[in-house]
Amino acid sequence: MFPFYIVHQTTIIATAFALRGLGLPAWGEAALTIAATAASCVLTYETVRRIA
């Protein structure tokens, strides 16, 4: 569980930083941040699952 915490926290910060100056509405930033966070967690899970 701890690796997912690190991945999701890092993704939230990186995504928020990347979207900061784009002038998107709050709901747009929130939706993109949630989608990026979910995708990073799924990608991490699938990557780790395939490592012996």
N, C-alpha and C. Protein backbone atom coordinates (compact mmCIF):
# COMPACT_ATOMS: atom_id res chain seq x y z
N MET A 1 0.81 -1.19 0.00
CA MET A 1 0.00 0.00 0.00
C MET A 1 0.86 1.26 0.00
N PHE A 2 1.98 1.23 0.67
CA PHE A 2 2.84 2.41 0.76
C PHE A 2 3.32 2.89 -0.61
N PRO A 3 3.73 1.99 -1.54
CA PRO A 3 4.14 2.48 -2.87
C PRO A 3 3.03 3.24 -3.59
N PHE A 4 1.77 2.81 -3.43
CA PHE A 4 0.68 3.54 -4.06
C PHE A 4 0.50 4.92 -3.46
N TYR A 5 0.75 5.04 -2.17
CA TYR A 5 0.67 6.35 -1.53
C TYR A 5 1.70 7.29 -2.13
N ILE A 6 2.93 6.80 -2.29
CA ILE A 6 3.99 7.63 -2.86
C ILE A 6 3.67 7.99 -4.30
N VAL A 7 3.20 7.01 -5.08
CA VAL A 7 2.88 7.27 -6.49
C VAL A 7 1.74 8.26 -6.62
N HIS A 8 0.68 8.08 -5.86
CA HIS A 8 -0.47 8.97 -6.02
C HIS A 8 -0.16 10.38 -5.53
N GLN A 9 0.61 10.49 -4.46
CA GLN A 9 0.96 11.82 -3.96
C GLN A 9 1.84 12.55 -4.96
N THR A 10 2.83 11.86 -5.52
CA THR A 10 3.72 12.46 -6.51
C THR A 10 2.95 12.86 -7.76
N THR A 11 2.03 12.02 -8.20
CA THR A 11 1.25 12.32 -9.39
C THR A 11 0.35 13.54 -9.17
N ILE A 12 -0.26 13.63 -8.01
CA ILE A 12 -1.12 14.78 -7.72
C ILE A 12 -0.31 16.07 -7.78
N ILE A 13 0.85 16.08 -7.15
CA ILE A 13 1.68 17.29 -7.13
C ILE A 13 2.17 17.63 -8.53
N ALA A 14 2.66 16.63 -9.27
CA ALA A 14 3.19 16.88 -10.62
C ALA A 14 2.09 17.36 -11.57
N THR A 15 0.92 16.75 -11.47
CA THR A 15 -0.19 17.15 -12.34
C THR A 15 -0.67 18.56 -12.00
N ALA A 16 -0.82 18.84 -10.74
CA ALA A 16 -1.25 20.18 -10.33
C ALA A 16 -0.25 21.23 -10.78
N PHE A 17 1.03 20.93 -10.68
CA PHE A 17 2.06 21.87 -11.12
C PHE A 17 1.98 22.08 -12.63
N ALA A 18 1.77 21.00 -13.39
CA ALA A 18 1.71 21.10 -14.84
C ALA A 18 0.47 21.86 -15.32
N LEU A 19 -0.64 21.74 -14.59
CA LEU A 19 -1.88 22.39 -14.99
C LEU A 19 -2.03 23.80 -14.44
N ARG A 20 -1.13 24.20 -13.59
CA ARG A 20 -1.25 25.45 -12.84
C ARG A 20 -1.51 26.67 -13.71
N GLY A 21 -0.79 26.85 -14.78
CA GLY A 21 -0.89 28.09 -15.55
C GLY A 21 -1.78 28.01 -16.77
N LEU A 22 -2.56 26.96 -16.93
CA LEU A 22 -3.36 26.79 -18.13
C LEU A 22 -4.70 27.52 -18.10
N GLY A 23 -5.09 28.00 -16.95
CA GLY A 23 -6.34 28.75 -16.84
C GLY A 23 -7.59 27.88 -16.96
N LEU A 24 -7.47 26.62 -16.62
CA LEU A 24 -8.62 25.72 -16.67
C LEU A 24 -9.57 26.00 -15.50
N PRO A 25 -10.85 25.71 -15.68
CA PRO A 25 -11.76 25.84 -14.52
C PRO A 25 -11.41 24.79 -13.48
N ALA A 26 -11.84 25.03 -12.27
CA ALA A 26 -11.51 24.13 -11.15
C ALA A 26 -11.96 22.71 -11.43
N TRP A 27 -13.17 22.52 -12.00
CA TRP A 27 -13.65 21.17 -12.27
C TRP A 27 -12.78 20.48 -13.32
N GLY A 28 -12.24 21.24 -14.26
CA GLY A 28 -11.36 20.66 -15.28
C GLY A 28 -10.04 20.20 -14.69
N GLU A 29 -9.46 21.05 -13.85
CA GLU A 29 -8.22 20.66 -13.17
C GLU A 29 -8.44 19.44 -12.28
N ALA A 30 -9.56 19.44 -11.57
CA ALA A 30 -9.86 18.31 -10.68
C ALA A 30 -10.03 17.02 -11.47
N ALA A 31 -10.76 17.09 -12.58
CA ALA A 31 -10.99 15.90 -13.39
C ALA A 31 -9.68 15.36 -13.97
N LEU A 32 -8.84 16.24 -14.48
CA LEU A 32 -7.56 15.81 -15.04
C LEU A 32 -6.64 15.25 -13.96
N THR A 33 -6.65 15.86 -12.79
CA THR A 33 -5.81 15.38 -11.70
C THR A 33 -6.27 14.00 -11.23
N ILE A 34 -7.57 13.82 -11.10
CA ILE A 34 -8.11 12.51 -10.69
C ILE A 34 -7.80 11.45 -11.73
N ALA A 35 -7.98 11.78 -13.01
CA ALA A 35 -7.70 10.82 -14.08
C ALA A 35 -6.22 10.45 -14.11
N ALA A 36 -5.35 11.42 -13.98
CA ALA A 36 -3.91 11.15 -13.99
C ALA A 36 -3.51 10.30 -12.78
N THR A 37 -4.10 10.58 -11.64
CA THR A 37 -3.78 9.82 -10.44
C THR A 37 -4.24 8.37 -10.57
N ALA A 38 -5.46 8.17 -11.06
CA ALA A 38 -5.96 6.81 -11.25
C ALA A 38 -5.12 6.05 -12.27
N ALA A 39 -4.77 6.72 -13.36
CA ALA A 39 -3.95 6.07 -14.39
C ALA A 39 -2.57 5.70 -13.87
N SER A 40 -1.97 6.57 -13.08
CA SER A 40 -0.64 6.26 -12.55
C SER A 40 -0.68 5.09 -11.57
N CYS A 41 -1.75 5.01 -10.78
CA CYS A 41 -1.88 3.89 -9.84
C CYS A 41 -2.09 2.57 -10.59
N VAL A 42 -2.92 2.59 -11.62
CA VAL A 42 -3.15 1.38 -12.42
C VAL A 42 -1.86 0.96 -13.12
N LEU A 43 -1.17 1.93 -13.70
CA LEU A 43 0.10 1.63 -14.38
C LEU A 43 1.13 1.07 -13.42
N THR A 44 1.23 1.63 -12.23
CA THR A 44 2.15 1.13 -11.23
C THR A 44 1.78 -0.29 -10.81
N TYR A 45 0.50 -0.54 -10.60
CA TYR A 45 0.05 -1.87 -10.21
C TYR A 45 0.40 -2.90 -11.29
N GLU A 46 0.10 -2.57 -12.53
CA GLU A 46 0.38 -3.50 -13.62
C GLU A 46 1.87 -3.73 -13.80
N THR A 47 2.67 -2.72 -13.61
CA THR A 47 4.12 -2.86 -13.74
C THR A 47 4.68 -3.75 -12.63
N VAL A 48 4.29 -3.48 -11.39
CA VAL A 48 4.79 -4.25 -10.26
C VAL A 48 4.29 -5.69 -10.30
N ARG A 49 3.08 -5.88 -10.76
CA ARG A 49 2.50 -7.22 -10.85
C ARG A 49 3.29 -8.13 -11.79
N ARG A 50 3.90 -7.54 -12.80
CA ARG A 50 4.63 -8.33 -13.80
C ARG A 50 6.09 -8.60 -13.39
N ILE A 51 6.55 -7.94 -12.35
CA ILE A 51 7.92 -8.16 -11.86
C ILE A 51 7.90 -9.32 -10.89
N ALA A 52 8.80 -10.26 -11.12
CA ALA A 52 8.84 -11.47 -10.28
C ALA A 52 9.28 -11.14 -8.87
